[in-house]
Amino acid sequence: MEDRHSEILAQLLGLDEKYGELIGLLKGGEVSTIGQTSTQRQRTELAPTYSTNIKKFIDDTSSSLDNYTSTFVDNVDTMISDLAEFNNRMTEKLVDLKKGAEHIVEERASLRAWLLDFKNNV
């Protein structure tokens, strides 16, 4: 479960980075990564196919981010359902453990009574 959580968190950071890159490009070609100041930003040029057709760049980028976002949302939904299933299984196991503990308490009381009776009759 922790590995899955880490994987989804990495996807979230990747998605955040991609949105940041797109916003930077649209604001003037500046791309910054997490932890960089404005003086550390790098100037990025569009690929030749996109520099002549900015609409294609925006459409392709938007489609790519939509697909990535959709995949991320699906993964989060899957993790939520897996967690709910895990929670249900653990709840059932805890109920079983509680019943087992109650049975042991009953057996202990019964054994104590038998031992007391044995001690008194020996």
PDB file of N, CA and C in Angstrom:
ATOM      1  N   MET A   1       0.826  -1.185   0.000  1.00  0.00           N
ATOM      2  CA  MET A   1       0.000   0.000   0.000  1.00  0.00           C
ATOM      3  C   MET A   1       0.876   1.257   0.000  1.00  0.00           C
ATOM      4  N   GLU A   2       1.969   1.237   0.768  1.00  0.00           N
ATOM      5  CA  GLU A   2       2.860   2.393   0.807  1.00  0.00           C
ATOM      6  C   GLU A   2       3.529   2.624  -0.547  1.00  0.00           C
ATOM      7  N   ASP A   3       3.884   1.540  -1.237  1.00  0.00           N
ATOM      8  CA  ASP A   3       4.492   1.682  -2.562  1.00  0.00           C
ATOM      9  C   ASP A   3       3.520   2.340  -3.521  1.00  0.00           C
ATOM     10  N   ARG A   4       2.266   1.934  -3.458  1.00  0.00           N
ATOM     11  CA  ARG A   4       1.242   2.502  -4.339  1.00  0.00           C
ATOM     12  C   ARG A   4       1.054   3.977  -4.024  1.00  0.00           C
ATOM     13  N   HIS A   5       1.040   4.316  -2.729  1.00  0.00           N
ATOM     14  CA  HIS A   5       0.908   5.707  -2.318  1.00  0.00           C
ATOM     15  C   HIS A   5       2.078   6.531  -2.849  1.00  0.00           C
ATOM     16  N   SER A   6       3.286   5.998  -2.739  1.00  0.00           N
ATOM     17  CA  SER A   6       4.476   6.701  -3.235  1.00  0.00           C
ATOM     18  C   SER A   6       4.401   6.907  -4.738  1.00  0.00           C
ATOM     19  N   GLU A   7       3.924   5.890  -5.441  1.00  0.00           N
ATOM     20  CA  GLU A   7       3.800   5.989  -6.897  1.00  0.00           C
ATOM     21  C   GLU A   7       2.803   7.085  -7.281  1.00  0.00           C
ATOM     22  N   ILE A   8       1.671   7.139  -6.593  1.00  0.00           N
ATOM     23  CA  ILE A   8       0.663   8.156  -6.899  1.00  0.00           C
ATOM     24  C   ILE A   8       1.172   9.541  -6.526  1.00  0.00           C
ATOM     25  N   LEU A   9       1.903   9.653  -5.432  1.00  0.00           N
ATOM     26  CA  LEU A   9       2.480  10.936  -5.046  1.00  0.00           C
ATOM     27  C   LEU A   9       3.487  11.405  -6.091  1.00  0.00           C
ATOM     28  N   ALA A  10       4.288  10.491  -6.625  1.00  0.00           N
ATOM     29  CA  ALA A  10       5.240  10.839  -7.685  1.00  0.00           C
ATOM     30  C   ALA A  10       4.497  11.317  -8.928  1.00  0.00           C
ATOM     31  N   GLN A  11       3.374  10.681  -9.245  1.00  0.00           N
ATOM     32  CA  GLN A  11       2.573  11.119 -10.391  1.00  0.00           C
ATOM     33  C   GLN A  11       2.023  12.520 -10.154  1.00  0.00           C
ATOM     34  N   LEU A  12       1.596  12.792  -8.916  1.00  0.00           N
ATOM     35  CA  LEU A  12       1.081  14.113  -8.583  1.00  0.00           C
ATOM     36  C   LEU A  12       2.156  15.177  -8.773  1.00  0.00           C
ATOM     37  N   LEU A  13       3.359  14.898  -8.290  1.00  0.00           N
ATOM     38  CA  LEU A  13       4.457  15.855  -8.455  1.00  0.00           C
ATOM     39  C   LEU A  13       4.798  16.051  -9.929  1.00  0.00           C
ATOM     40  N   GLY A  14       4.757  14.962 -10.704  1.00  0.00           N
ATOM     41  CA  GLY A  14       5.007  15.061 -12.142  1.00  0.00           C
ATOM     42  C   GLY A  14       3.959  15.906 -12.834  1.00  0.00           C
ATOM     43  N   LEU A  15       2.709  15.721 -12.457  1.00  0.00           N
ATOM     44  CA  LEU A  15       1.624  16.500 -13.044  1.00  0.00           C
ATOM     45  C   LEU A  15       1.775  17.969 -12.694  1.00  0.00           C
ATOM     46  N   ASP A  16       2.108  18.254 -11.439  1.00  0.00           N
ATOM     47  CA  ASP A  16       2.320  19.628 -11.011  1.00  0.00           C
ATOM     48  C   ASP A  16       3.464  20.271 -11.794  1.00  0.00           C
ATOM     49  N   GLU A  17       4.524  19.507 -12.012  1.00  0.00           N
ATOM     50  CA  GLU A  17       5.666  20.019 -12.768  1.00  0.00           C
ATOM     51  C   GLU A  17       5.279  20.321 -14.213  1.00  0.00           C
ATOM     52  N   LYS A  18       4.507  19.424 -14.830  1.00  0.00           N
ATOM     53  CA  LYS A  18       4.095  19.634 -16.225  1.00  0.00           C
ATOM     54  C   LYS A  18       3.217  20.870 -16.358  1.00  0.00           C
ATOM     55  N   TYR A  19       2.272  21.055 -15.429  1.00  0.00           N
ATOM     56  CA  TYR A  19       1.434  22.249 -15.474  1.00  0.00           C
ATOM     57  C   TYR A  19       2.288  23.504 -15.299  1.00  0.00           C
ATOM     58  N   GLY A  20       3.255  23.442 -14.385  1.00  0.00           N
ATOM     59  CA  GLY A  20       4.143  24.583 -14.180  1.00  0.00           C
ATOM     60  C   GLY A  20       4.960  24.910 -15.418  1.00  0.00           C
ATOM     61  N   GLU A  21       5.454  23.863 -16.102  1.00  0.00           N
ATOM     62  CA  GLU A  21       6.210  24.081 -17.334  1.00  0.00           C
ATOM     63  C   GLU A  21       5.335  24.731 -18.397  1.00  0.00           C
ATOM     64  N   LEU A  22       4.113  24.258 -18.530  1.00  0.00           N
ATOM     65  CA  LEU A  22       3.211  24.814 -19.535  1.00  0.00           C
ATOM     66  C   LEU A  22       2.904  26.272 -19.244  1.00  0.00           C
ATOM     67  N   ILE A  23       2.620  26.577 -17.995  1.00  0.00           N
ATOM     68  CA  ILE A  23       2.338  27.967 -17.628  1.00  0.00           C
ATOM     69  C   ILE A  23       3.554  28.837 -17.905  1.00  0.00           C
ATOM     70  N   GLY A  24       4.739  28.334 -17.560  1.00  0.00           N
ATOM     71  CA  GLY A  24       5.965  29.083 -17.825  1.00  0.00           C
ATOM     72  C   GLY A  24       6.183  29.329 -19.305  1.00  0.00           C
ATOM     73  N   LEU A  25       5.949  28.320 -20.125  1.00  0.00           N
ATOM     74  CA  LEU A  25       6.110  28.482 -21.573  1.00  0.00           C
ATOM     75  C   LEU A  25       5.130  29.501 -22.121  1.00  0.00           C
ATOM     76  N   LEU A  26       3.904  29.450 -21.651  1.00  0.00           N
ATOM     77  CA  LEU A  26       2.897  30.383 -22.143  1.00  0.00           C
ATOM     78  C   LEU A  26       3.146  31.806 -21.654  1.00  0.00           C
ATOM     79  N   LYS A  27       3.852  31.950 -20.537  1.00  0.00           N
ATOM     80  CA  LYS A  27       4.159  33.278 -20.009  1.00  0.00           C
ATOM     81  C   LYS A  27       5.406  33.888 -20.639  1.00  0.00           C
ATOM     82  N   GLY A  28       6.076  33.154 -21.472  1.00  0.00           N
ATOM     83  CA  GLY A  28       7.249  33.738 -22.101  1.00  0.00           C
ATOM     84  C   GLY A  28       8.418  32.805 -22.225  1.00  0.00           C
ATOM     85  N   GLY A  29       8.187  31.534 -22.137  1.00  0.00           N
ATOM     86  CA  GLY A  29       9.245  30.569 -22.377  1.00  0.00           C
ATOM     87  C   GLY A  29      10.120  30.264 -21.188  1.00  0.00           C
ATOM     88  N   GLU A  30       9.742  30.723 -19.996  1.00  0.00           N
ATOM     89  CA  GLU A  30      10.557  30.434 -18.818  1.00  0.00           C
ATOM     90  C   GLU A  30      10.047  29.180 -18.127  1.00  0.00           C
ATOM     91  N   VAL A  31      10.968  28.302 -17.786  1.00  0.00           N
ATOM     92  CA  VAL A  31      10.613  27.070 -17.090  1.00  0.00           C
ATOM     93  C   VAL A  31      11.394  27.022 -15.792  1.00  0.00           C
ATOM     94  N   SER A  32      10.687  26.846 -14.687  1.00  0.00           N
ATOM     95  CA  SER A  32      11.382  26.678 -13.409  1.00  0.00           C
ATOM     96  C   SER A  32      10.979  25.341 -12.823  1.00  0.00           C
ATOM     97  N   THR A  33      11.879  24.777 -12.064  1.00  0.00           N
ATOM     98  CA  THR A  33      11.563  23.524 -11.388  1.00  0.00           C
ATOM     99  C   THR A  33      11.430  23.803  -9.905  1.00  0.00           C
ATOM    100  N   ILE A  34      10.955  22.836  -9.175  1.00  0.00           N
ATOM    101  CA  ILE A  34      10.739  23.002  -7.743  1.00  0.00           C
ATOM    102  C   ILE A  34      12.051  23.388  -7.066  1.00  0.00           C
ATOM    103  N   GLY A  35      11.987  24.437  -6.251  1.00  0.00           N
ATOM    104  CA  GLY A  35      13.158  24.868  -5.506  1.00  0.00           C
ATOM    105  C   GLY A  35      14.001  25.920  -6.211  1.00  0.00           C
ATOM    106  N   GLN A  36      13.673  26.241  -7.456  1.00  0.00           N
ATOM    107  CA  GLN A  36      14.447  27.255  -8.167  1.00  0.00           C
ATOM    108  C   GLN A  36      13.832  28.633  -7.940  1.00  0.00           C
ATOM    109  N   THR A  37      14.691  29.646  -7.886  1.00  0.00           N
ATOM    110  CA  THR A  37      14.209  31.016  -7.797  1.00  0.00           C
ATOM    111  C   THR A  37      14.025  31.563  -9.200  1.00  0.00           C
ATOM    112  N   SER A  38      13.447  32.746  -9.297  1.00  0.00           N
ATOM    113  CA  SER A  38      13.184  33.323 -10.616  1.00  0.00           C
ATOM    114  C   SER A  38      14.476  33.595 -11.388  1.00  0.00           C
ATOM    115  N   THR A  39      15.590  33.821 -10.689  1.00  0.00           N
ATOM    116  CA  THR A  39      16.853  34.064 -11.390  1.00  0.00           C
ATOM    117  C   THR A  39      17.463  32.777 -11.929  1.00  0.00           C
ATOM    118  N   GLN A  40      17.002  31.635 -11.454  1.00  0.00           N
ATOM    119  CA  GLN A  40      17.537  30.351 -11.900  1.00  0.00           C
ATOM    120  C   GLN A  40      16.706  29.735 -13.023  1.00  0.00           C
ATOM    121  N   ARG A  41      15.682  30.409 -13.467  1.00  0.00           N
ATOM    122  CA  ARG A  41      14.824  29.855 -14.507  1.00  0.00           C
ATOM    123  C   ARG A  41      15.572  29.774 -15.825  1.00  0.00           C
ATOM    124  N   GLN A  42      15.193  28.776 -16.596  1.00  0.00           N
ATOM    125  CA  GLN A  42      15.834  28.567 -17.890  1.00  0.00           C
ATOM    126  C   GLN A  42      14.877  28.986 -19.003  1.00  0.00           C
ATOM    127  N   ARG A  43      15.424  29.549 -20.033  1.00  0.00           N
ATOM    128  CA  ARG A  43      14.607  29.921 -21.194  1.00  0.00           C
ATOM    129  C   ARG A  43      14.480  28.689 -22.078  1.00  0.00           C
ATOM    130  N   THR A  44      13.262  28.379 -22.462  1.00  0.00           N
ATOM    131  CA  THR A  44      13.010  27.196 -23.271  1.00  0.00           C
ATOM    132  C   THR A  44      12.386  27.604 -24.595  1.00  0.00           C
ATOM    133  N   GLU A  45      12.890  27.029 -25.652  1.00  0.00           N
ATOM    134  CA  GLU A  45      12.343  27.291 -26.983  1.00  0.00           C
ATOM    135  C   GLU A  45      11.422  26.148 -27.368  1.00  0.00           C
ATOM    136  N   LEU A  46      10.373  26.486 -28.100  1.00  0.00           N
ATOM    137  CA  LEU A  46       9.469  25.456 -28.603  1.00  0.00           C
ATOM    138  C   LEU A  46      10.127  24.698 -29.744  1.00  0.00           C
ATOM    139  N   ALA A  47       9.695  23.456 -29.904  1.00  0.00           N
ATOM    140  CA  ALA A  47      10.172  22.659 -31.038  1.00  0.00           C
ATOM    141  C   ALA A  47       9.726  23.340 -32.333  1.00  0.00           C
ATOM    142  N   PRO A  48      10.489  23.163 -33.422  1.00  0.00           N
ATOM    143  CA  PRO A  48      10.144  23.836 -34.688  1.00  0.00           C
ATOM    144  C   PRO A  48       8.715  23.567 -35.156  1.00  0.00           C
ATOM    145  N   THR A  49       8.219  22.363 -34.952  1.00  0.00           N
ATOM    146  CA  THR A  49       6.850  22.072 -35.396  1.00  0.00           C
ATOM    147  C   THR A  49       5.826  22.878 -34.611  1.00  0.00           C
ATOM    148  N   TYR A  50       6.148  23.207 -33.382  1.00  0.00           N
ATOM    149  CA  TYR A  50       5.217  23.982 -32.569  1.00  0.00           C
ATOM    150  C   TYR A  50       5.427  25.485 -32.722  1.00  0.00           C
ATOM    151  N   SER A  51       6.635  25.917 -33.030  1.00  0.00           N
ATOM    152  CA  SER A  51       6.890  27.352 -33.133  1.00  0.00           C
ATOM    153  C   SER A  51       6.140  27.975 -34.306  1.00  0.00           C
ATOM    154  N   THR A  52       5.831  27.174 -35.314  1.00  0.00           N
ATOM    155  CA  THR A  52       5.065  27.694 -36.453  1.00  0.00           C
ATOM    156  C   THR A  52       3.563  27.546 -36.241  1.00  0.00           C
ATOM    157  N   ASN A  53       3.165  26.686 -35.314  1.00  0.00           N
ATOM    158  CA  ASN A  53       1.743  26.456 -35.076  1.00  0.00           C
ATOM    159  C   ASN A  53       1.501  26.331 -33.571  1.00  0.00           C
ATOM    160  N   ILE A  54       1.326  27.472 -32.910  1.00  0.00           N
ATOM    161  CA  ILE A  54       1.164  27.478 -31.458  1.00  0.00           C
ATOM    162  C   ILE A  54      -0.130  26.789 -31.040  1.00  0.00           C
ATOM    163  N   LYS A  55      -1.161  26.847 -31.909  1.00  0.00           N
ATOM    164  CA  LYS A  55      -2.425  26.174 -31.594  1.00  0.00           C
ATOM    165  C   LYS A  55      -2.203  24.671 -31.449  1.00  0.00           C
ATOM    166  N   LYS A  56      -1.375  24.093 -32.319  1.00  0.00           N
ATOM    167  CA  LYS A  56      -1.071  22.660 -32.234  1.00  0.00           C
ATOM    168  C   LYS A  56      -0.359  22.358 -30.913  1.00  0.00           C
ATOM    169  N   PHE A  57       0.568  23.232 -30.527  1.00  0.00           N
ATOM    170  CA  PHE A  57       1.271  23.047 -29.258  1.00  0.00           C
ATOM    171  C   PHE A  57       0.290  23.042 -28.088  1.00  0.00           C
ATOM    172  N   ILE A  58      -0.606  24.022 -28.077  1.00  0.00           N
ATOM    173  CA  ILE A  58      -1.575  24.123 -26.984  1.00  0.00           C
ATOM    174  C   ILE A  58      -2.510  22.921 -26.982  1.00  0.00           C
ATOM    175  N   ASP A  59      -2.995  22.521 -28.162  1.00  0.00           N
ATOM    176  CA  ASP A  59      -3.886  21.355 -28.250  1.00  0.00           C
ATOM    177  C   ASP A  59      -3.189  20.080 -27.788  1.00  0.00           C
ATOM    178  N   ASP A  60      -1.965  19.854 -28.267  1.00  0.00           N
ATOM    179  CA  ASP A  60      -1.224  18.647 -27.887  1.00  0.00           C
ATOM    180  C   ASP A  60      -0.912  18.627 -26.392  1.00  0.00           C
ATOM    181  N   THR A  61      -0.495  19.775 -25.875  1.00  0.00           N
ATOM    182  CA  THR A  61      -0.165  19.855 -24.458  1.00  0.00           C
ATOM    183  C   THR A  61      -1.404  19.661 -23.599  1.00  0.00           C
ATOM    184  N   SER A  62      -2.482  20.302 -23.989  1.00  0.00           N
ATOM    185  CA  SER A  62      -3.732  20.165 -23.246  1.00  0.00           C
ATOM    186  C   SER A  62      -4.213  18.720 -23.244  1.00  0.00           C
ATOM    187  N   SER A  63      -4.153  18.079 -24.406  1.00  0.00           N
ATOM    188  CA  SER A  63      -4.563  16.676 -24.511  1.00  0.00           C
ATOM    189  C   SER A  63      -3.681  15.784 -23.641  1.00  0.00           C
ATOM    190  N   SER A  64      -2.380  16.026 -23.697  1.00  0.00           N
ATOM    191  CA  SER A  64      -1.444  15.236 -22.905  1.00  0.00           C
ATOM    192  C   SER A  64      -1.711  15.399 -21.409  1.00  0.00           C
ATOM    193  N   LEU A  65      -1.905  16.631 -20.968  1.00  0.00           N
ATOM    194  CA  LEU A  65      -2.166  16.876 -19.553  1.00  0.00           C
ATOM    195  C   LEU A  65      -3.518  16.307 -19.128  1.00  0.00           C
ATOM    196  N   ASP A  66      -4.518  16.396 -20.012  1.00  0.00           N
ATOM    197  CA  ASP A  66      -5.828  15.807 -19.699  1.00  0.00           C
ATOM    198  C   ASP A  66      -5.712  14.301 -19.516  1.00  0.00           C
ATOM    199  N   ASN A  67      -4.967  13.650 -20.412  1.00  0.00           N
ATOM    200  CA  ASN A  67      -4.778  12.202 -20.298  1.00  0.00           C
ATOM    201  C   ASN A  67      -4.028  11.850 -19.014  1.00  0.00           C
ATOM    202  N   TYR A  68      -2.995  12.628 -18.722  1.00  0.00           N
ATOM    203  CA  TYR A  68      -2.204  12.380 -17.521  1.00  0.00           C
ATOM    204  C   TYR A  68      -3.057  12.589 -16.276  1.00  0.00           C
ATOM    205  N   THR A  69      -3.857  13.660 -16.279  1.00  0.00           N
ATOM    206  CA  THR A  69      -4.736  13.946 -15.147  1.00  0.00           C
ATOM    207  C   THR A  69      -5.766  12.839 -14.974  1.00  0.00           C
ATOM    208  N   SER A  70      -6.336  12.385 -16.084  1.00  0.00           N
ATOM    209  CA  SER A  70      -7.319  11.304 -16.036  1.00  0.00           C
ATOM    210  C   SER A  70      -6.704  10.036 -15.449  1.00  0.00           C
ATOM    211  N   THR A  71      -5.498   9.709 -15.891  1.00  0.00           N
ATOM    212  CA  THR A  71      -4.802   8.534 -15.365  1.00  0.00           C
ATOM    213  C   THR A  71      -4.546   8.696 -13.870  1.00  0.00           C
ATOM    214  N   PHE A  72      -4.132   9.883 -13.466  1.00  0.00           N
ATOM    215  CA  PHE A  72      -3.867  10.150 -12.054  1.00  0.00           C
ATOM    216  C   PHE A  72      -5.138   9.987 -11.224  1.00  0.00           C
ATOM    217  N   VAL A  73      -6.241  10.560 -11.702  1.00  0.00           N
ATOM    218  CA  VAL A  73      -7.512  10.460 -10.983  1.00  0.00           C
ATOM    219  C   VAL A  73      -7.952   9.000 -10.883  1.00  0.00           C
ATOM    220  N   ASP A  74      -7.800   8.249 -11.970  1.00  0.00           N
ATOM    221  CA  ASP A  74      -8.143   6.820 -11.944  1.00  0.00           C
ATOM    222  C   ASP A  74      -7.302   6.071 -10.912  1.00  0.00           C
ATOM    223  N   ASN A  75      -6.018   6.384 -10.856  1.00  0.00           N
ATOM    224  CA  ASN A  75      -5.132   5.729  -9.884  1.00  0.00           C
ATOM    225  C   ASN A  75      -5.517   6.075  -8.448  1.00  0.00           C
ATOM    226  N   VAL A  76      -5.881   7.323  -8.215  1.00  0.00           N
ATOM    227  CA  VAL A  76      -6.308   7.726  -6.871  1.00  0.00           C
ATOM    228  C   VAL A  76      -7.605   7.009  -6.502  1.00  0.00           C
ATOM    229  N   ASP A  77      -8.548   6.935  -7.452  1.00  0.00           N
ATOM    230  CA  ASP A  77      -9.804   6.222  -7.191  1.00  0.00           C
ATOM    231  C   ASP A  77      -9.547   4.751  -6.877  1.00  0.00           C
ATOM    232  N   THR A  78      -8.633   4.139  -7.623  1.00  0.00           N
ATOM    233  CA  THR A  78      -8.281   2.739  -7.372  1.00  0.00           C
ATOM    234  C   THR A  78      -7.678   2.581  -5.983  1.00  0.00           C
ATOM    235  N   MET A  79      -6.809   3.499  -5.610  1.00  0.00           N
ATOM    236  CA  MET A  79      -6.186   3.419  -4.294  1.00  0.00           C
ATOM    237  C   MET A  79      -7.229   3.591  -3.189  1.00  0.00           C
ATOM    238  N   ILE A  80      -8.185   4.483  -3.401  1.00  0.00           N
ATOM    239  CA  ILE A  80      -9.239   4.690  -2.406  1.00  0.00           C
ATOM    240  C   ILE A  80     -10.067   3.424  -2.246  1.00  0.00           C
ATOM    241  N   SER A  81     -10.433   2.788  -3.362  1.00  0.00           N
ATOM    242  CA  SER A  81     -11.228   1.552  -3.262  1.00  0.00           C
ATOM    243  C   SER A  81     -10.408   0.422  -2.637  1.00  0.00           C
ATOM    244  N   ASP A  82      -9.115   0.343  -2.990  1.00  0.00           N
ATOM    245  CA  ASP A  82      -8.251  -0.669  -2.365  1.00  0.00           C
ATOM    246  C   ASP A  82      -8.145  -0.440  -0.860  1.00  0.00           C
ATOM    247  N   LEU A  83      -8.034   0.820  -0.473  1.00  0.00           N
ATOM    248  CA  LEU A  83      -7.941   1.149   0.948  1.00  0.00           C
ATOM    249  C   LEU A  83      -9.242   0.804   1.670  1.00  0.00           C
ATOM    250  N   ALA A  84     -10.383   1.065   1.040  1.00  0.00           N
ATOM    251  CA  ALA A  84     -11.672   0.716   1.648  1.00  0.00           C
ATOM    252  C   ALA A  84     -11.786  -0.800   1.817  1.00  0.00           C
ATOM    253  N   GLU A  85     -11.359  -1.550   0.793  1.00  0.00           N
ATOM    254  CA  GLU A  85     -11.387  -3.014   0.873  1.00  0.00           C
ATOM    255  C   GLU A  85     -10.457  -3.511   1.982  1.00  0.00           C
ATOM    256  N   PHE A  86      -9.267  -2.934   2.055  1.00  0.00           N
ATOM    257  CA  PHE A  86      -8.310  -3.290   3.103  1.00  0.00           C
ATOM    258  C   PHE A  86      -8.899  -2.994   4.483  1.00  0.00           C
ATOM    259  N   ASN A  87      -9.555  -1.844   4.603  1.00  0.00           N
ATOM    260  CA  ASN A  87     -10.176  -1.462   5.869  1.00  0.00           C
ATOM    261  C   ASN A  87     -11.256  -2.468   6.270  1.00  0.00           C
ATOM    262  N   ASN A  88     -12.070  -2.901   5.304  1.00  0.00           N
ATOM    263  CA  ASN A  88     -13.115  -3.893   5.595  1.00  0.00           C
ATOM    264  C   ASN A  88     -12.512  -5.220   6.060  1.00  0.00           C
ATOM    265  N   ARG A  89     -11.453  -5.660   5.367  1.00  0.00           N
ATOM    266  CA  ARG A  89     -10.799  -6.914   5.766  1.00  0.00           C
ATOM    267  C   ARG A  89     -10.207  -6.801   7.163  1.00  0.00           C
ATOM    268  N   MET A  90      -9.568  -5.680   7.454  1.00  0.00           N
ATOM    269  CA  MET A  90      -8.968  -5.496   8.776  1.00  0.00           C
ATOM    270  C   MET A  90     -10.044  -5.437   9.855  1.00  0.00           C
ATOM    271  N   THR A  91     -11.167  -4.806   9.560  1.00  0.00           N
ATOM    272  CA  THR A  91     -12.268  -4.749  10.520  1.00  0.00           C
ATOM    273  C   THR A  91     -12.771  -6.153  10.829  1.00  0.00           C
ATOM    274  N   GLU A  92     -12.928  -6.984   9.784  1.00  0.00           N
ATOM    275  CA  GLU A  92     -13.354  -8.371   9.985  1.00  0.00           C
ATOM    276  C   GLU A  92     -12.338  -9.137  10.835  1.00  0.00           C
ATOM    277  N   LYS A  93     -11.060  -8.935  10.554  1.00  0.00           N
ATOM    278  CA  LYS A  93     -10.020  -9.629  11.321  1.00  0.00           C
ATOM    279  C   LYS A  93     -10.016  -9.176  12.778  1.00  0.00           C
ATOM    280  N   LEU A  94     -10.243  -7.884  13.009  1.00  0.00           N
ATOM    281  CA  LEU A  94     -10.289  -7.389  14.386  1.00  0.00           C
ATOM    282  C   LEU A  94     -11.490  -7.950  15.139  1.00  0.00           C
ATOM    283  N   VAL A  95     -12.622  -8.090  14.447  1.00  0.00           N
ATOM    284  CA  VAL A  95     -13.798  -8.704  15.073  1.00  0.00           C
ATOM    285  C   VAL A  95     -13.479 -10.149  15.450  1.00  0.00           C
ATOM    286  N   ASP A  96     -12.826 -10.876  14.528  1.00  0.00           N
ATOM    287  CA  ASP A  96     -12.436 -12.261  14.819  1.00  0.00           C
ATOM    288  C   ASP A  96     -11.472 -12.331  16.004  1.00  0.00           C
ATOM    289  N   LEU A  97     -10.510 -11.407  16.049  1.00  0.00           N
ATOM    290  CA  LEU A  97      -9.567 -11.380  17.173  1.00  0.00           C
ATOM    291  C   LEU A  97     -10.277 -11.094  18.489  1.00  0.00           C
ATOM    292  N   LYS A  98     -11.247 -10.185  18.445  1.00  0.00           N
ATOM    293  CA  LYS A  98     -11.994  -9.863  19.661  1.00  0.00           C
ATOM    294  C   LYS A  98     -12.776 -11.085  20.137  1.00  0.00           C
ATOM    295  N   LYS A  99     -13.413 -11.796  19.210  1.00  0.00           N
ATOM    296  CA  LYS A  99     -14.143 -13.014  19.581  1.00  0.00           C
ATOM    297  C   LYS A  99     -13.184 -14.050  20.168  1.00  0.00           C
ATOM    298  N   GLY A 100     -12.006 -14.181  19.558  1.00  0.00           N
ATOM    299  CA  GLY A 100     -11.001 -15.106  20.076  1.00  0.00           C
ATOM    300  C   GLY A 100     -10.551 -14.728  21.473  1.00  0.00           C
ATOM    301  N   ALA A 101     -10.357 -13.429  21.704  1.00  0.00           N
ATOM    302  CA  ALA A 101      -9.939 -12.960  23.027  1.00  0.00           C
ATOM    303  C   ALA A 101     -11.027 -13.226  24.057  1.00  0.00           C
ATOM    304  N   GLU A 102     -12.284 -13.007  23.674  1.00  0.00           N
ATOM    305  CA  GLU A 102     -13.393 -13.283  24.591  1.00  0.00           C
ATOM    306  C   GLU A 102     -13.455 -14.775  24.921  1.00  0.00           C
ATOM    307  N   HIS A 103     -13.215 -15.611  23.926  1.00  0.00           N
ATOM    308  CA  HIS A 103     -13.214 -17.062  24.148  1.00  0.00           C
ATOM    309  C   HIS A 103     -12.086 -17.460  25.110  1.00  0.00           C
ATOM    310  N   ILE A 104     -10.925 -16.858  24.945  1.00  0.00           N
ATOM    311  CA  ILE A 104      -9.792 -17.155  25.834  1.00  0.00           C
ATOM    312  C   ILE A 104     -10.119 -16.728  27.264  1.00  0.00           C
ATOM    313  N   VAL A 105     -10.775 -15.580  27.422  1.00  0.00           N
ATOM    314  CA  VAL A 105     -11.167 -15.127  28.764  1.00  0.00           C
ATOM    315  C   VAL A 105     -12.126 -16.134  29.393  1.00  0.00           C
ATOM    316  N   GLU A 106     -13.081 -16.626  28.595  1.00  0.00           N
ATOM    317  CA  GLU A 106     -14.025 -17.635  29.107  1.00  0.00           C
ATOM    318  C   GLU A 106     -13.293 -18.921  29.485  1.00  0.00           C
ATOM    319  N   GLU A 107     -12.375 -19.362  28.627  1.00  0.00           N
ATOM    320  CA  GLU A 107     -11.605 -20.583  28.905  1.00  0.00           C
ATOM    321  C   GLU A 107     -10.746 -20.415  30.155  1.00  0.00           C
ATOM    322  N   ARG A 108     -10.192 -19.246  30.328  1.00  0.00           N
ATOM    323  CA  ARG A 108      -9.350 -18.973  31.496  1.00  0.00           C
ATOM    324  C   ARG A 108     -10.180 -19.067  32.778  1.00  0.00           C
ATOM    325  N   ALA A 109     -11.374 -18.467  32.744  1.00  0.00           N
ATOM    326  CA  ALA A 109     -12.256 -18.528  33.921  1.00  0.00           C
ATOM    327  C   ALA A 109     -12.653 -19.972  34.214  1.00  0.00           C
ATOM    328  N   SER A 110     -12.955 -20.721  33.158  1.00  0.00           N
ATOM    329  CA  SER A 110     -13.327 -22.132  33.331  1.00  0.00           C
ATOM    330  C   SER A 110     -12.157 -22.932  33.900  1.00  0.00           C
ATOM    331  N   LEU A 111     -10.972 -22.708  33.354  1.00  0.00           N
ATOM    332  CA  LEU A 111      -9.785 -23.418  33.837  1.00  0.00           C
ATOM    333  C   LEU A 111      -9.497 -23.061  35.291  1.00  0.00           C
ATOM    334  N   ARG A 112      -9.647 -21.791  35.633  1.00  0.00           N
ATOM    335  CA  ARG A 112      -9.415 -21.365  37.015  1.00  0.00           C
ATOM    336  C   ARG A 112     -10.381 -22.096  37.956  1.00  0.00           C
ATOM    337  N   ALA A 113     -11.641 -22.213  37.544  1.00  0.00           N
ATOM    338  CA  ALA A 113     -12.620 -22.929  38.374  1.00  0.00           C
ATOM    339  C   ALA A 113     -12.230 -24.400  38.508  1.00  0.00           C
ATOM    340  N   TRP A 114     -11.797 -25.032  37.416  1.00  0.00           N
ATOM    341  CA  TRP A 114     -11.380 -26.439  37.459  1.00  0.00           C
ATOM    342  C   TRP A 114     -10.147 -26.614  38.354  1.00  0.00           C
ATOM    343  N   LEU A 115      -9.202 -25.712  38.238  1.00  0.00           N
ATOM    344  CA  LEU A 115      -7.993 -25.807  39.065  1.00  0.00           C
ATOM    345  C   LEU A 115      -8.315 -25.613  40.542  1.00  0.00           C
ATOM    346  N   LEU A 116      -9.204 -24.675  40.839  1.00  0.00           N
ATOM    347  CA  LEU A 116      -9.599 -24.450  42.224  1.00  0.00           C
ATOM    348  C   LEU A 116     -10.304 -25.688  42.783  1.00  0.00           C
ATOM    349  N   ASP A 117     -11.185 -26.276  41.985  1.00  0.00           N
ATOM    350  CA  ASP A 117     -11.879 -27.498  42.398  1.00  0.00           C
ATOM    351  C   ASP A 117     -10.881 -28.638  42.599  1.00  0.00           C
ATOM    352  N   PHE A 118      -9.919 -28.766  41.681  1.00  0.00           N
ATOM    353  CA  PHE A 118      -8.902 -29.817  41.783  1.00  0.00           C
ATOM    354  C   PHE A 118      -8.065 -29.629  43.041  1.00  0.00           C
ATOM    355  N   LYS A 119      -7.667 -28.380  43.301  1.00  0.00           N
ATOM    356  CA  LYS A 119      -6.844 -28.074  44.473  1.00  0.00           C
ATOM    357  C   LYS A 119      -7.603 -28.389  45.763  1.00  0.00           C
ATOM    358  N   ASN A 120      -8.872 -28.071  45.805  1.00  0.00           N
ATOM    359  CA  ASN A 120      -9.675 -28.313  47.014  1.00  0.00           C
ATOM    360  C   ASN A 120      -9.952 -29.795  47.239  1.00  0.00           C
ATOM    361  N   ASN A 121      -9.952 -30.600  46.195  1.00  0.00           N
ATOM    362  CA  ASN A 121     -10.277 -32.026  46.322  1.00  0.00           C
ATOM    363  C   ASN A 121      -9.047 -32.918  46.380  1.00  0.00           C
ATOM    364  N   VAL A 122      -7.867 -32.370  46.288  1.00  0.00           N
ATOM    365  CA  VAL A 122      -6.662 -33.207  46.325  1.00  0.00           C
ATOM    366  C   VAL A 122      -6.167 -33.367  47.717  1.00  0.00           C
TER     367      VAL A 122
END
